[in-house]
Amino acid sequence: MSRPISSLSLLILAFTLLATSACTDPKPGTRGSAQETDGQGRIDGVEYTDAFAAYPGQDTMAYRPFYLHPIPEDDVLNDSVTPFGAYGQLLPPMMSDARVQLLTTNLWAVEYYINEEGTPRQNIYGTGQWMQFFPDGHFIAGHWDRQTHAGAYYVDLSGKYPMVTFDSNVDRMDTVWEMQRISDDRENMAWRRAIEKGFGPKSRSIVLRLNKLYDRPTREQYRNVFAALERVVD
C-alpha cells in the first residue's frame, strides 16, 4: 500500500465537519423497487454487500450509502444483464493516452470516501471498495476481497479533467467520476463524482482518494486509516 499523502489532514477535517452536518434523510435513488421487504431496501433471498461492508449501526440509519447494493449471483456476476441492472456496449478507451494507461494498470482501491449525504461512520466504511479496468472497455469492481458487480466504462478526455463513466450491471452503481488529481508518483488519484452529469442515482458530492494496488484490498492494510478516522468521529 502506498504511503499517506498530505491530503490526510483535509480529509480528517471533512469528516469532522460532516459529523455536525451529515444528512440522514433518504434521497431519490437510494431506495429500491416495490419488492423491498425491510427498512434498508433489501429484497428477501438476495445477497447484499451489507454482510461485509456496512457500518454496524447501518440498520438504524435512514440514508443508505451507494456501496451497499445487491450482488448478482456468481453465474451472472460478469454478465451484461442481471436482475439488478444492465450495461451497454464495450468501447475500448484511447490507450495511447497516459491517463488511460494508468487507469488500466493494476487495481484501484478507495482509501478515503467522503459522501456529503452519509454520516462520518458510513463514510469510513466506504473504504475498501475497488475497481479494475481492462483495455477492452470493461471493468470489475467490489469491496474488500469480493467482486460485487461489473460493467462497461467510458473515458471522456475532452474536458479539463478526464471523465470516467461507470455503466454497471447493478444500476445503483452507475455513475460518472472526474479524475481531478494524479499524484506525482502515479500511485494515488483523487476523484469527484460528477453529479452534474445526471447519470446514475441522484446524489450530493462524493470524493474519493484512490490507491494503486496489486491485489484486492484487505482490512489489515487499511486498519490505520480506520483507526485514525474512528478517533476523529468518536
Protein backbone atom coordinates (compact mmCIF):
# COMPACT_ATOMS: atom_id res chain seq x y z
CA MET A 1 0.00 0.00 0.00
CA SER A 2 1.34 3.44 -0.85
CA ARG A 3 2.36 5.99 1.75
CA PRO A 4 -0.07 8.59 3.16
CA ILE A 5 -0.10 11.99 1.45
CA SER A 6 -0.63 15.46 2.78
CA SER A 7 -4.33 15.41 1.92
CA LEU A 8 -4.99 13.30 5.04
CA SER A 9 -5.46 16.36 7.23
CA LEU A 10 -8.01 17.82 4.79
CA LEU A 11 -9.91 14.55 4.71
CA ILE A 12 -9.98 14.35 8.50
CA LEU A 13 -11.27 17.92 8.59
CA ALA A 14 -14.00 16.93 6.15
CA PHE A 15 -15.05 14.07 8.41
CA THR A 16 -15.11 16.45 11.38
CA LEU A 17 -17.36 18.90 9.55
CA LEU A 18 -19.64 16.12 8.36
CA ALA A 19 -20.00 14.92 11.94
CA THR A 20 -22.03 18.04 12.69
CA SER A 21 -23.95 18.32 9.44
CA ALA A 22 -24.42 14.85 7.93
CA CYS A 23 -27.82 14.25 6.37
CA THR A 24 -29.74 11.12 7.32
CA ASP A 25 -32.85 11.64 5.19
CA PRO A 26 -33.39 9.20 2.33
CA LYS A 27 -32.73 10.72 -1.10
CA PRO A 28 -34.11 9.90 -4.54
CA GLY A 29 -32.33 6.91 -5.97
CA THR A 30 -31.37 5.40 -2.61
CA ARG A 31 -34.39 3.15 -2.30
CA GLY A 32 -35.07 0.05 -4.38
CA SER A 33 -38.16 -1.40 -6.02
CA ALA A 34 -41.58 -2.49 -4.79
CA GLN A 35 -40.10 -5.89 -3.92
CA GLU A 36 -38.32 -4.45 -0.90
CA THR A 37 -39.22 -6.01 2.40
CA ASP A 38 -37.28 -4.10 5.07
CA GLY A 39 -36.35 -0.58 6.11
CA GLN A 40 -33.00 -0.78 4.36
CA GLY A 41 -34.50 -1.63 0.98
CA ARG A 42 -33.27 -5.22 0.87
CA ILE A 43 -35.12 -7.94 -1.02
CA ASP A 44 -35.55 -11.35 0.59
CA GLY A 45 -33.25 -14.02 -0.82
CA VAL A 46 -30.76 -11.55 -2.34
CA GLU A 47 -27.19 -11.15 -1.10
CA TYR A 48 -26.11 -7.59 -0.32
CA THR A 49 -22.73 -6.03 0.41
CA ASP A 50 -24.12 -5.15 3.85
CA ALA A 51 -22.85 -8.53 5.06
CA PHE A 52 -19.21 -7.40 4.87
CA ALA A 53 -19.22 -3.66 4.16
CA ALA A 54 -21.90 -1.99 6.28
CA TYR A 55 -21.33 0.20 9.32
CA PRO A 56 -22.58 -1.87 12.32
CA GLY A 57 -25.29 0.69 13.06
CA GLN A 58 -26.49 0.91 9.45
CA ASP A 59 -29.89 -0.67 10.14
CA THR A 60 -30.78 2.33 12.32
CA MET A 61 -29.89 4.87 9.60
CA ALA A 62 -32.32 6.42 7.12
CA TYR A 63 -29.64 7.08 4.48
CA ARG A 64 -28.23 4.09 2.63
CA PRO A 65 -24.77 4.59 1.02
CA PHE A 66 -24.37 3.57 -2.61
CA TYR A 67 -21.70 1.00 -1.77
CA LEU A 68 -24.43 -1.08 -0.10
CA HIS A 69 -26.01 -2.84 -3.03
CA PRO A 70 -27.34 -6.21 -4.22
CA ILE A 71 -24.78 -8.67 -5.59
CA PRO A 72 -25.60 -10.69 -8.72
CA GLU A 73 -25.18 -14.42 -8.32
CA ASP A 74 -21.86 -15.91 -9.38
CA ASP A 75 -23.13 -17.32 -12.66
CA VAL A 76 -24.22 -13.86 -13.88
CA LEU A 77 -21.79 -11.65 -11.94
CA ASN A 78 -19.99 -10.55 -15.12
CA ASP A 79 -22.98 -10.65 -17.48
CA SER A 80 -24.17 -7.52 -19.25
CA VAL A 81 -27.68 -8.05 -17.85
CA THR A 82 -28.53 -9.08 -14.27
CA PRO A 83 -31.69 -8.81 -12.15
CA PHE A 84 -30.28 -5.52 -10.82
CA GLY A 85 -29.27 -3.71 -13.99
CA ALA A 86 -27.51 -3.81 -17.34
CA TYR A 87 -24.56 -2.24 -19.11
CA GLY A 88 -24.06 -1.21 -22.71
CA GLN A 89 -21.59 -1.86 -25.49
CA LEU A 90 -17.91 -2.22 -24.67
CA LEU A 91 -15.85 0.53 -26.33
CA PRO A 92 -12.06 0.32 -25.88
CA PRO A 93 -10.66 3.58 -24.49
CA MET A 94 -7.87 5.59 -26.11
CA MET A 95 -4.93 3.52 -24.86
CA SER A 96 -2.41 5.97 -26.35
CA ASP A 97 -3.30 8.45 -23.58
CA ALA A 98 -1.07 8.20 -20.48
CA ARG A 99 -4.01 8.70 -18.11
CA VAL A 100 -5.91 5.81 -19.65
CA GLN A 101 -2.77 3.68 -19.45
CA LEU A 102 -2.56 4.50 -15.74
CA LEU A 103 -6.24 3.68 -15.23
CA THR A 104 -5.77 0.21 -16.70
CA THR A 105 -2.69 -0.51 -14.58
CA ASN A 106 -3.27 -2.92 -11.73
CA LEU A 107 -6.21 -2.24 -9.39
CA TRP A 108 -7.51 0.94 -7.75
CA ALA A 109 -8.82 0.87 -4.18
CA VAL A 110 -10.71 3.51 -2.19
CA GLU A 111 -8.69 4.69 0.80
CA TYR A 112 -10.90 7.66 1.70
CA TYR A 113 -14.58 8.09 0.85
CA ILE A 114 -16.35 11.41 1.52
CA ASN A 115 -20.09 11.49 0.80
CA GLU A 116 -21.96 14.63 1.88
CA GLU A 117 -25.16 12.63 2.44
CA GLY A 118 -23.58 9.98 4.65
CA THR A 119 -22.55 10.14 8.26
CA PRO A 120 -18.84 10.09 9.14
CA ARG A 121 -19.01 6.44 10.15
CA GLN A 122 -20.81 5.48 6.95
CA ASN A 123 -18.04 7.23 5.05
CA ILE A 124 -15.35 5.33 6.94
CA TYR A 125 -16.94 2.07 5.83
CA GLY A 126 -16.73 3.23 2.20
CA THR A 127 -13.02 2.41 2.43
CA GLY A 128 -12.05 -0.87 0.78
CA GLN A 129 -14.04 -0.50 -2.42
CA TRP A 130 -12.01 -1.26 -5.53
CA MET A 131 -12.21 -1.30 -9.30
CA GLN A 132 -10.12 -2.84 -12.06
CA PHE A 133 -10.19 -1.52 -15.63
CA PHE A 134 -9.33 -3.52 -18.74
CA PRO A 135 -8.19 -2.26 -22.16
CA ASP A 136 -11.26 -3.72 -23.91
CA GLY A 137 -13.54 -1.27 -22.03
CA HIS A 138 -14.90 -3.50 -19.28
CA PHE A 139 -14.35 -3.25 -15.54
CA ILE A 140 -14.91 -5.36 -12.47
CA ALA A 141 -15.41 -3.88 -9.02
CA GLY A 142 -16.11 -4.85 -5.44
CA HIS A 143 -15.47 -4.34 -1.75
CA TRP A 144 -12.63 -5.96 0.18
CA ASP A 145 -12.00 -9.47 -1.17
CA ARG A 146 -15.33 -9.76 -3.01
CA GLN A 147 -16.18 -8.81 -6.56
CA THR A 148 -19.73 -7.42 -6.40
CA HIS A 149 -20.50 -6.06 -9.89
CA ALA A 150 -19.07 -5.48 -13.37
CA GLY A 151 -19.74 -3.31 -16.36
CA ALA A 152 -18.53 -1.09 -19.18
CA TYR A 153 -16.54 2.09 -18.63
CA TYR A 154 -16.06 5.05 -20.94
CA VAL A 155 -13.35 7.70 -20.71
CA ASP A 156 -14.01 11.23 -21.99
CA LEU A 157 -10.75 13.15 -22.45
CA SER A 158 -12.25 16.29 -23.99
CA GLY A 159 -12.52 18.43 -20.85
CA LYS A 160 -10.20 19.87 -18.22
CA TYR A 161 -10.29 16.56 -16.34
CA PRO A 162 -10.84 13.07 -17.72
CA MET A 163 -14.37 11.79 -17.04
CA VAL A 164 -14.86 8.09 -16.32
CA THR A 165 -18.39 6.76 -16.74
CA PHE A 166 -19.30 3.51 -14.97
CA ASP A 167 -22.18 1.66 -16.64
CA SER A 168 -22.67 -1.23 -14.21
CA ASN A 169 -24.75 -4.40 -14.28
CA VAL A 170 -26.01 -3.15 -10.89
CA ASP A 171 -27.73 0.12 -11.84
CA ARG A 172 -27.27 1.52 -8.34
CA MET A 173 -23.55 1.72 -9.11
CA ASP A 174 -23.91 3.72 -12.35
CA THR A 175 -22.00 6.98 -12.07
CA VAL A 176 -19.57 9.44 -13.65
CA TRP A 177 -16.29 10.34 -11.96
CA GLU A 178 -13.95 13.23 -12.63
CA MET A 179 -10.23 12.36 -12.33
CA GLN A 180 -9.17 15.56 -10.61
CA ARG A 181 -5.65 14.70 -9.48
CA ILE A 182 -2.93 12.14 -10.12
CA SER A 183 -0.02 12.07 -7.68
CA ASP A 184 3.49 12.67 -8.97
CA ASP A 185 4.45 9.05 -8.31
CA ARG A 186 1.26 7.88 -10.10
CA GLU A 187 0.31 5.74 -7.09
CA ASN A 188 -2.73 7.78 -5.97
CA MET A 189 -5.65 9.61 -7.56
CA ALA A 190 -8.37 11.97 -6.32
CA TRP A 191 -11.80 11.61 -7.94
CA ARG A 192 -15.02 13.61 -7.64
CA ARG A 193 -18.45 12.28 -8.53
CA ALA A 194 -19.66 14.44 -11.42
CA ILE A 195 -23.24 14.83 -10.19
CA GLU A 196 -23.91 17.49 -12.83
CA LYS A 197 -23.78 14.75 -15.50
CA GLY A 198 -27.04 13.28 -14.19
CA PHE A 199 -26.06 9.66 -14.80
CA GLY A 200 -26.92 7.12 -12.14
CA PRO A 201 -28.86 7.59 -8.89
CA LYS A 202 -29.12 11.16 -7.64
CA SER A 203 -26.59 12.17 -5.00
CA ARG A 204 -24.71 15.03 -3.49
CA SER A 205 -20.95 15.37 -3.85
CA ILE A 206 -18.75 12.30 -3.30
CA VAL A 207 -14.96 12.47 -3.25
CA LEU A 208 -12.58 9.50 -3.38
CA ARG A 209 -8.89 9.07 -2.71
CA LEU A 210 -7.65 6.00 -4.59
CA ASN A 211 -4.52 3.87 -4.13
CA LYS A 212 -2.96 1.70 -6.80
CA LEU A 213 -2.71 -1.89 -5.54
CA TYR A 214 -1.59 -5.22 -6.97
CA ASP A 215 -4.23 -7.29 -5.15
CA ARG A 216 -7.66 -6.71 -3.71
CA PRO A 217 -7.53 -4.63 -0.52
CA THR A 218 -7.75 -6.16 2.95
CA ARG A 219 -8.94 -4.72 6.23
CA GLU A 220 -5.48 -5.26 7.66
CA GLN A 221 -3.96 -2.97 5.00
CA TYR A 222 -6.37 -0.20 5.95
CA ARG A 223 -6.55 -0.68 9.71
CA ASN A 224 -4.55 2.52 10.36
CA VAL A 225 -6.94 4.52 8.19
CA PHE A 226 -9.92 3.12 10.08
CA ALA A 227 -8.26 3.81 13.44
CA ALA A 228 -7.38 7.43 12.59
CA LEU A 229 -10.84 8.28 11.27
CA GLU A 230 -12.63 6.49 14.10
CA ARG A 231 -10.72 8.72 16.56
CA VAL A 232 -11.92 11.82 14.71
CA VAL A 233 -15.60 10.93 14.93
CA ASP A 234 -15.60 9.48 18.48
